[in-house]
Amino acid sequence: MRLLSCALLAAVLALPAPVLAQAGKDAAASPAVQKEFNGFIAKFRTALKANDAAAVAGMAQLPFQNDNSIGNAAQFRAKIYQDDFTAKTRACIQRGKAVYARDGDKNDTYSILCGERIFVFTKMPAGFLLTDIGMND
């Protein structure tokens, strides 16, 4: 495994500088995407500050995480919001730094790490939505 890691590192270091520079550019959101996310996250954080579970559910992709048992706002509030949006977590999301990335499907995403949970927001055709809550591993 260590030999493979060294070989991979050597291959990356052998790439021409313009290729490495381009890879770095892909890690930044366009100004339009950043502006759209800034508007979304401001509303999301306002809903969290007010502990408005209905508003947060309205900013989540439903069914949540493709789970049909979390297909509407009431189910989201009962099964997700109650457990995953404690006062501590809401405060963390309000002050946490959102990190931009592109997912495997080349969607624009932002993630906020709070304790052992990662909250993922994905740009959808209708705008950004909370799409996933994963474990930090």
N, C-alpha and C. Protein backbone atom coordinates (compact mmCIF):
# COMPACT_ATOMS: atom_id res chain seq x y z
N MET A 1 0.83 -1.19 0.00
CA MET A 1 0.00 0.00 0.00
C MET A 1 0.87 1.25 0.00
N ARG A 2 1.92 1.24 0.81
CA ARG A 2 2.80 2.40 0.88
C ARG A 2 3.49 2.62 -0.46
N LEU A 3 3.88 1.55 -1.13
CA LEU A 3 4.52 1.65 -2.43
C LEU A 3 3.56 2.27 -3.44
N LEU A 4 2.30 1.88 -3.37
CA LEU A 4 1.29 2.44 -4.26
C LEU A 4 1.12 3.93 -3.99
N SER A 5 1.10 4.33 -2.74
CA SER A 5 0.96 5.74 -2.40
C SER A 5 2.13 6.55 -2.91
N CYS A 6 3.32 6.02 -2.79
CA CYS A 6 4.51 6.72 -3.29
C CYS A 6 4.45 6.84 -4.81
N ALA A 7 4.01 5.77 -5.48
CA ALA A 7 3.91 5.81 -6.94
C ALA A 7 2.86 6.83 -7.37
N LEU A 8 1.76 6.89 -6.67
CA LEU A 8 0.71 7.85 -6.98
C LEU A 8 1.20 9.27 -6.77
N LEU A 9 1.89 9.51 -5.68
CA LEU A 9 2.44 10.84 -5.41
C LEU A 9 3.43 11.23 -6.49
N ALA A 10 4.28 10.32 -6.90
CA ALA A 10 5.25 10.60 -7.95
C ALA A 10 4.56 10.94 -9.27
N ALA A 11 3.47 10.23 -9.56
CA ALA A 11 2.73 10.50 -10.80
C ALA A 11 2.09 11.88 -10.77
N VAL A 12 1.54 12.26 -9.62
CA VAL A 12 0.91 13.58 -9.50
C VAL A 12 1.96 14.68 -9.62
N LEU A 13 3.10 14.49 -8.97
CA LEU A 13 4.16 15.50 -9.03
C LEU A 13 4.75 15.63 -10.44
N ALA A 14 4.62 14.59 -11.23
CA ALA A 14 5.14 14.63 -12.60
C ALA A 14 4.22 15.36 -13.56
N LEU A 15 3.00 15.68 -13.12
CA LEU A 15 2.07 16.40 -13.99
C LEU A 15 2.59 17.80 -14.27
N PRO A 16 2.36 18.29 -15.49
CA PRO A 16 2.77 19.66 -15.79
C PRO A 16 2.03 20.66 -14.90
N ALA A 17 2.67 21.77 -14.60
CA ALA A 17 2.09 22.79 -13.73
C ALA A 17 0.71 23.26 -14.20
N PRO A 18 0.48 23.47 -15.52
CA PRO A 18 -0.86 23.91 -15.94
C PRO A 18 -1.95 22.91 -15.59
N VAL A 19 -1.64 21.62 -15.62
CA VAL A 19 -2.64 20.61 -15.26
C VAL A 19 -2.97 20.72 -13.78
N LEU A 20 -1.95 20.89 -12.93
CA LEU A 20 -2.19 21.04 -11.50
C LEU A 20 -2.94 22.32 -11.21
N ALA A 21 -2.63 23.39 -11.92
CA ALA A 21 -3.32 24.66 -11.72
C ALA A 21 -4.80 24.52 -12.08
N GLN A 22 -5.10 23.82 -13.17
CA GLN A 22 -6.49 23.62 -13.57
C GLN A 22 -7.24 22.83 -12.51
N ALA A 23 -6.60 21.82 -11.92
CA ALA A 23 -7.26 21.02 -10.88
C ALA A 23 -7.64 21.91 -9.71
N GLY A 24 -6.78 22.87 -9.34
CA GLY A 24 -7.09 23.79 -8.26
C GLY A 24 -8.26 24.70 -8.59
N LYS A 25 -8.39 25.10 -9.84
CA LYS A 25 -9.50 25.97 -10.25
C LYS A 25 -10.84 25.27 -10.10
N ASP A 26 -10.87 23.97 -10.30
CA ASP A 26 -12.11 23.22 -10.20
C ASP A 26 -12.64 23.18 -8.77
N ALA A 27 -11.79 23.51 -7.80
CA ALA A 27 -12.19 23.42 -6.41
C ALA A 27 -12.89 24.69 -5.92
N ALA A 28 -13.07 25.67 -6.79
CA ALA A 28 -13.72 26.91 -6.38
C ALA A 28 -15.03 27.07 -7.12
N ALA A 29 -16.02 27.56 -6.41
CA ALA A 29 -17.33 27.79 -7.03
C ALA A 29 -17.26 29.04 -7.90
N SER A 30 -18.07 29.05 -8.93
CA SER A 30 -18.16 30.25 -9.76
C SER A 30 -18.81 31.35 -8.92
N PRO A 31 -18.59 32.61 -9.27
CA PRO A 31 -19.23 33.69 -8.50
C PRO A 31 -20.75 33.56 -8.45
N ALA A 32 -21.37 33.11 -9.54
CA ALA A 32 -22.83 32.96 -9.57
C ALA A 32 -23.29 31.87 -8.61
N VAL A 33 -22.58 30.74 -8.59
CA VAL A 33 -22.94 29.65 -7.69
C VAL A 33 -22.72 30.08 -6.24
N GLN A 34 -21.60 30.77 -5.98
CA GLN A 34 -21.33 31.23 -4.62
C GLN A 34 -22.41 32.20 -4.15
N LYS A 35 -22.83 33.11 -5.02
CA LYS A 35 -23.88 34.07 -4.67
C LYS A 35 -25.19 33.36 -4.37
N GLU A 36 -25.54 32.38 -5.21
CA GLU A 36 -26.78 31.63 -4.99
C GLU A 36 -26.73 30.87 -3.67
N PHE A 37 -25.59 30.23 -3.39
CA PHE A 37 -25.47 29.51 -2.12
C PHE A 37 -25.53 30.47 -0.94
N ASN A 38 -24.88 31.61 -1.04
CA ASN A 38 -24.90 32.58 0.06
C ASN A 38 -26.33 32.98 0.41
N GLY A 39 -27.17 33.19 -0.61
CA GLY A 39 -28.58 33.52 -0.36
C GLY A 39 -29.31 32.37 0.30
N PHE A 40 -29.06 31.15 -0.18
CA PHE A 40 -29.71 29.98 0.39
C PHE A 40 -29.30 29.76 1.84
N ILE A 41 -27.99 29.78 2.10
CA ILE A 41 -27.53 29.45 3.46
C ILE A 41 -27.95 30.52 4.46
N ALA A 42 -28.09 31.75 4.01
CA ALA A 42 -28.59 32.81 4.91
C ALA A 42 -30.02 32.48 5.35
N LYS A 43 -30.86 32.05 4.42
CA LYS A 43 -32.24 31.67 4.76
C LYS A 43 -32.26 30.42 5.64
N PHE A 44 -31.40 29.46 5.31
CA PHE A 44 -31.34 28.21 6.07
C PHE A 44 -30.93 28.51 7.52
N ARG A 45 -29.93 29.35 7.68
CA ARG A 45 -29.45 29.70 9.02
C ARG A 45 -30.50 30.49 9.81
N THR A 46 -31.25 31.33 9.12
CA THR A 46 -32.33 32.07 9.78
C THR A 46 -33.39 31.09 10.30
N ALA A 47 -33.71 30.09 9.49
CA ALA A 47 -34.68 29.08 9.91
C ALA A 47 -34.16 28.29 11.11
N LEU A 48 -32.86 27.98 11.10
CA LEU A 48 -32.28 27.25 12.23
C LEU A 48 -32.30 28.10 13.49
N LYS A 49 -31.97 29.38 13.36
CA LYS A 49 -31.95 30.27 14.51
C LYS A 49 -33.33 30.36 15.15
N ALA A 50 -34.37 30.36 14.31
CA ALA A 50 -35.75 30.40 14.79
C ALA A 50 -36.26 29.03 15.20
N ASN A 51 -35.45 28.00 15.02
CA ASN A 51 -35.84 26.61 15.28
C ASN A 51 -37.13 26.27 14.52
N ASP A 52 -37.16 26.70 13.26
CA ASP A 52 -38.32 26.53 12.39
C ASP A 52 -38.16 25.26 11.55
N ALA A 53 -38.61 24.15 12.12
CA ALA A 53 -38.46 22.85 11.46
C ALA A 53 -39.19 22.81 10.12
N ALA A 54 -40.32 23.46 10.01
CA ALA A 54 -41.08 23.46 8.75
C ALA A 54 -40.29 24.17 7.66
N ALA A 55 -39.66 25.30 7.99
CA ALA A 55 -38.86 26.02 7.00
C ALA A 55 -37.66 25.20 6.56
N VAL A 56 -36.99 24.54 7.51
CA VAL A 56 -35.84 23.69 7.16
C VAL A 56 -36.30 22.55 6.26
N ALA A 57 -37.42 21.93 6.59
CA ALA A 57 -37.95 20.85 5.75
C ALA A 57 -38.23 21.35 4.34
N GLY A 58 -38.67 22.59 4.22
CA GLY A 58 -38.93 23.18 2.91
C GLY A 58 -37.67 23.44 2.11
N MET A 59 -36.53 23.39 2.76
CA MET A 59 -35.24 23.59 2.08
C MET A 59 -34.46 22.29 1.95
N ALA A 60 -35.15 21.17 2.14
CA ALA A 60 -34.54 19.85 2.01
C ALA A 60 -35.14 19.13 0.80
N GLN A 61 -34.31 18.34 0.15
CA GLN A 61 -34.80 17.53 -0.96
C GLN A 61 -35.61 16.37 -0.38
N LEU A 62 -36.85 16.27 -0.81
CA LEU A 62 -37.73 15.20 -0.34
C LEU A 62 -38.13 14.31 -1.51
N PRO A 63 -38.20 13.00 -1.36
CA PRO A 63 -37.89 12.27 -0.14
C PRO A 63 -36.41 12.45 0.23
N PHE A 64 -36.17 12.62 1.53
CA PHE A 64 -34.82 12.91 2.00
C PHE A 64 -33.94 11.68 1.89
N GLN A 65 -32.78 11.87 1.30
CA GLN A 65 -31.80 10.81 1.06
C GLN A 65 -32.45 9.61 0.35
N ASN A 66 -33.39 9.91 -0.53
CA ASN A 66 -34.09 8.89 -1.32
C ASN A 66 -34.83 7.87 -0.46
N ASP A 67 -35.19 8.25 0.76
CA ASP A 67 -35.92 7.37 1.66
C ASP A 67 -37.39 7.77 1.60
N ASN A 68 -38.21 6.91 1.01
CA ASN A 68 -39.63 7.22 0.83
C ASN A 68 -40.38 7.39 2.15
N SER A 69 -39.81 6.89 3.25
CA SER A 69 -40.47 7.08 4.54
C SER A 69 -40.23 8.50 5.08
N ILE A 70 -39.40 9.27 4.36
CA ILE A 70 -39.16 10.68 4.70
C ILE A 70 -39.50 11.48 3.45
N GLY A 71 -40.75 11.31 3.00
CA GLY A 71 -41.17 11.88 1.73
C GLY A 71 -41.88 13.21 1.81
N ASN A 72 -42.20 13.66 3.03
CA ASN A 72 -42.87 14.96 3.15
C ASN A 72 -42.32 15.71 4.35
N ALA A 73 -42.75 16.96 4.48
CA ALA A 73 -42.22 17.83 5.53
C ALA A 73 -42.49 17.30 6.93
N ALA A 74 -43.68 16.75 7.16
CA ALA A 74 -44.01 16.22 8.48
C ALA A 74 -43.09 15.05 8.85
N GLN A 75 -42.84 14.17 7.90
CA GLN A 75 -41.94 13.04 8.15
C GLN A 75 -40.51 13.52 8.37
N PHE A 76 -40.08 14.54 7.61
CA PHE A 76 -38.74 15.10 7.79
C PHE A 76 -38.60 15.67 9.19
N ARG A 77 -39.60 16.43 9.63
CA ARG A 77 -39.54 17.03 10.97
C ARG A 77 -39.47 15.95 12.05
N ALA A 78 -40.25 14.89 11.90
CA ALA A 78 -40.31 13.84 12.92
C ALA A 78 -39.07 12.95 12.91
N LYS A 79 -38.57 12.60 11.73
CA LYS A 79 -37.49 11.61 11.64
C LYS A 79 -36.10 12.21 11.51
N ILE A 80 -35.99 13.41 11.00
CA ILE A 80 -34.67 14.00 10.77
C ILE A 80 -34.45 15.21 11.68
N TYR A 81 -35.31 16.18 11.61
CA TYR A 81 -35.08 17.44 12.33
C TYR A 81 -34.94 17.21 13.83
N GLN A 82 -35.82 16.45 14.39
CA GLN A 82 -35.83 16.25 15.84
C GLN A 82 -34.50 15.70 16.35
N ASP A 83 -33.90 14.76 15.64
CA ASP A 83 -32.67 14.12 16.11
C ASP A 83 -31.40 14.81 15.60
N ASP A 84 -31.42 15.29 14.36
CA ASP A 84 -30.20 15.80 13.74
C ASP A 84 -30.01 17.31 13.87
N PHE A 85 -31.01 18.03 14.32
CA PHE A 85 -30.90 19.48 14.43
C PHE A 85 -31.10 19.92 15.88
N THR A 86 -30.25 19.39 16.75
CA THR A 86 -30.27 19.80 18.16
C THR A 86 -29.82 21.26 18.25
N ALA A 87 -30.01 21.86 19.40
CA ALA A 87 -29.58 23.26 19.59
C ALA A 87 -28.09 23.41 19.30
N LYS A 88 -27.29 22.46 19.74
CA LYS A 88 -25.84 22.50 19.50
C LYS A 88 -25.52 22.42 18.01
N THR A 89 -26.21 21.54 17.30
CA THR A 89 -25.97 21.38 15.87
C THR A 89 -26.45 22.61 15.10
N ARG A 90 -27.60 23.15 15.47
CA ARG A 90 -28.09 24.35 14.81
C ARG A 90 -27.10 25.50 14.97
N ALA A 91 -26.54 25.64 16.16
CA ALA A 91 -25.55 26.69 16.40
C ALA A 91 -24.30 26.45 15.56
N CYS A 92 -23.89 25.22 15.46
CA CYS A 92 -22.71 24.87 14.66
C CYS A 92 -22.92 25.22 13.19
N ILE A 93 -24.06 24.87 12.64
CA ILE A 93 -24.34 25.17 11.23
C ILE A 93 -24.40 26.68 11.02
N GLN A 94 -24.90 27.40 11.99
CA GLN A 94 -25.00 28.85 11.86
C GLN A 94 -23.62 29.51 11.78
N ARG A 95 -22.64 28.94 12.44
CA ARG A 95 -21.31 29.57 12.43
C ARG A 95 -20.30 28.79 11.59
N GLY A 96 -20.67 27.58 11.15
CA GLY A 96 -19.73 26.73 10.43
C GLY A 96 -19.37 27.23 9.03
N LYS A 97 -18.17 26.91 8.62
CA LYS A 97 -17.69 27.28 7.29
C LYS A 97 -18.17 26.24 6.28
N ALA A 98 -18.79 26.72 5.24
CA ALA A 98 -19.25 25.82 4.18
C ALA A 98 -18.09 25.61 3.19
N VAL A 99 -17.85 24.35 2.85
CA VAL A 99 -16.76 23.99 1.96
C VAL A 99 -17.35 23.54 0.62
N TYR A 100 -16.87 24.15 -0.45
CA TYR A 100 -17.36 23.85 -1.79
C TYR A 100 -16.67 22.61 -2.36
N ALA A 101 -17.42 21.85 -3.15
CA ALA A 101 -16.88 20.71 -3.90
C ALA A 101 -17.83 20.39 -5.04
N ARG A 102 -17.36 19.54 -5.93
CA ARG A 102 -18.22 18.97 -6.98
C ARG A 102 -18.37 17.50 -6.65
N ASP A 103 -19.59 17.00 -6.68
CA ASP A 103 -19.79 15.59 -6.36
C ASP A 103 -19.50 14.72 -7.59
N GLY A 104 -19.67 13.42 -7.46
CA GLY A 104 -19.38 12.49 -8.54
C GLY A 104 -20.21 12.72 -9.78
N ASP A 105 -21.37 13.36 -9.64
CA ASP A 105 -22.22 13.68 -10.78
C ASP A 105 -21.96 15.10 -11.28
N LYS A 106 -20.90 15.73 -10.78
CA LYS A 106 -20.49 17.09 -11.15
C LYS A 106 -21.50 18.16 -10.72
N ASN A 107 -22.22 17.88 -9.64
CA ASN A 107 -23.12 18.86 -9.05
C ASN A 107 -22.33 19.75 -8.10
N ASP A 108 -22.70 21.01 -8.02
CA ASP A 108 -22.10 21.92 -7.06
C ASP A 108 -22.65 21.59 -5.68
N THR A 109 -21.76 21.39 -4.72
CA THR A 109 -22.18 21.09 -3.37
C THR A 109 -21.39 21.92 -2.37
N TYR A 110 -21.98 22.12 -1.22
CA TYR A 110 -21.31 22.72 -0.08
C TYR A 110 -21.57 21.80 1.10
N SER A 111 -20.58 21.66 1.97
CA SER A 111 -20.72 20.83 3.16
C SER A 111 -20.31 21.63 4.38
N ILE A 112 -21.01 21.36 5.47
CA ILE A 112 -20.66 21.96 6.76
C ILE A 112 -20.51 20.81 7.74
N LEU A 113 -19.36 20.76 8.39
CA LEU A 113 -19.05 19.72 9.36
C LEU A 113 -19.43 20.19 10.75
N CYS A 114 -20.24 19.39 11.44
CA CYS A 114 -20.64 19.68 12.81
C CYS A 114 -20.50 18.40 13.62
N GLY A 115 -19.45 18.35 14.43
CA GLY A 115 -19.22 17.15 15.23
C GLY A 115 -18.98 15.96 14.32
N GLU A 116 -19.80 14.96 14.47
CA GLU A 116 -19.64 13.74 13.66
C GLU A 116 -20.55 13.72 12.45
N ARG A 117 -21.23 14.82 12.18
CA ARG A 117 -22.15 14.88 11.04
C ARG A 117 -21.68 15.89 10.01
N ILE A 118 -21.93 15.53 8.75
CA ILE A 118 -21.65 16.42 7.64
C ILE A 118 -22.98 16.73 6.96
N PHE A 119 -23.29 18.01 6.86
CA PHE A 119 -24.51 18.47 6.24
C PHE A 119 -24.17 18.91 4.82
N VAL A 120 -24.83 18.29 3.83
CA VAL A 120 -24.50 18.54 2.43
C VAL A 120 -25.66 19.26 1.74
N PHE A 121 -25.31 20.32 1.05
CA PHE A 121 -26.26 21.14 0.30
C PHE A 121 -25.86 21.06 -1.17
N THR A 122 -26.82 20.71 -2.03
CA THR A 122 -26.53 20.47 -3.44
C THR A 122 -27.35 21.42 -4.30
N LYS A 123 -26.72 21.93 -5.35
CA LYS A 123 -27.42 22.79 -6.30
C LYS A 123 -28.29 21.91 -7.18
N MET A 124 -29.57 22.15 -7.10
CA MET A 124 -30.56 21.43 -7.89
C MET A 124 -31.11 22.40 -8.94
N PRO A 125 -31.90 21.91 -9.90
CA PRO A 125 -32.47 22.83 -10.89
C PRO A 125 -33.24 24.00 -10.27
N ALA A 126 -33.91 23.77 -9.15
CA ALA A 126 -34.69 24.83 -8.52
C ALA A 126 -33.88 25.62 -7.49
N GLY A 127 -32.61 25.31 -7.31
CA GLY A 127 -31.76 26.00 -6.34
C GLY A 127 -31.14 25.02 -5.36
N PHE A 128 -30.45 25.54 -4.37
CA PHE A 128 -29.79 24.68 -3.38
C PHE A 128 -30.80 24.07 -2.44
N LEU A 129 -30.51 22.81 -2.04
CA LEU A 129 -31.32 22.10 -1.06
C LEU A 129 -30.40 21.29 -0.15
N LEU A 130 -30.83 21.05 1.08
CA LEU A 130 -30.16 20.09 1.94
C LEU A 130 -30.43 18.71 1.35
N THR A 131 -29.39 17.99 0.98
CA THR A 131 -29.60 16.71 0.30
C THR A 131 -29.09 15.51 1.09
N ASP A 132 -28.24 15.75 2.10
CA ASP A 132 -27.66 14.60 2.79
C ASP A 132 -27.14 15.03 4.16
N ILE A 133 -27.23 14.12 5.09
CA ILE A 133 -26.56 14.24 6.37
C ILE A 133 -25.79 12.95 6.53
N GLY A 134 -24.48 13.06 6.52
CA GLY A 134 -23.64 11.87 6.59
C GLY A 134 -22.78 11.88 7.83
N MET A 135 -22.16 10.77 8.08
CA MET A 135 -21.25 10.64 9.22
C MET A 135 -19.84 11.04 8.79
N ASN A 136 -19.16 11.75 9.65
CA ASN A 136 -17.77 12.13 9.41
C ASN A 136 -16.90 10.94 9.76
N ASP A 137 -16.34 10.33 8.75
CA ASP A 137 -15.49 9.16 9.04
C ASP A 137 -14.12 9.31 8.55
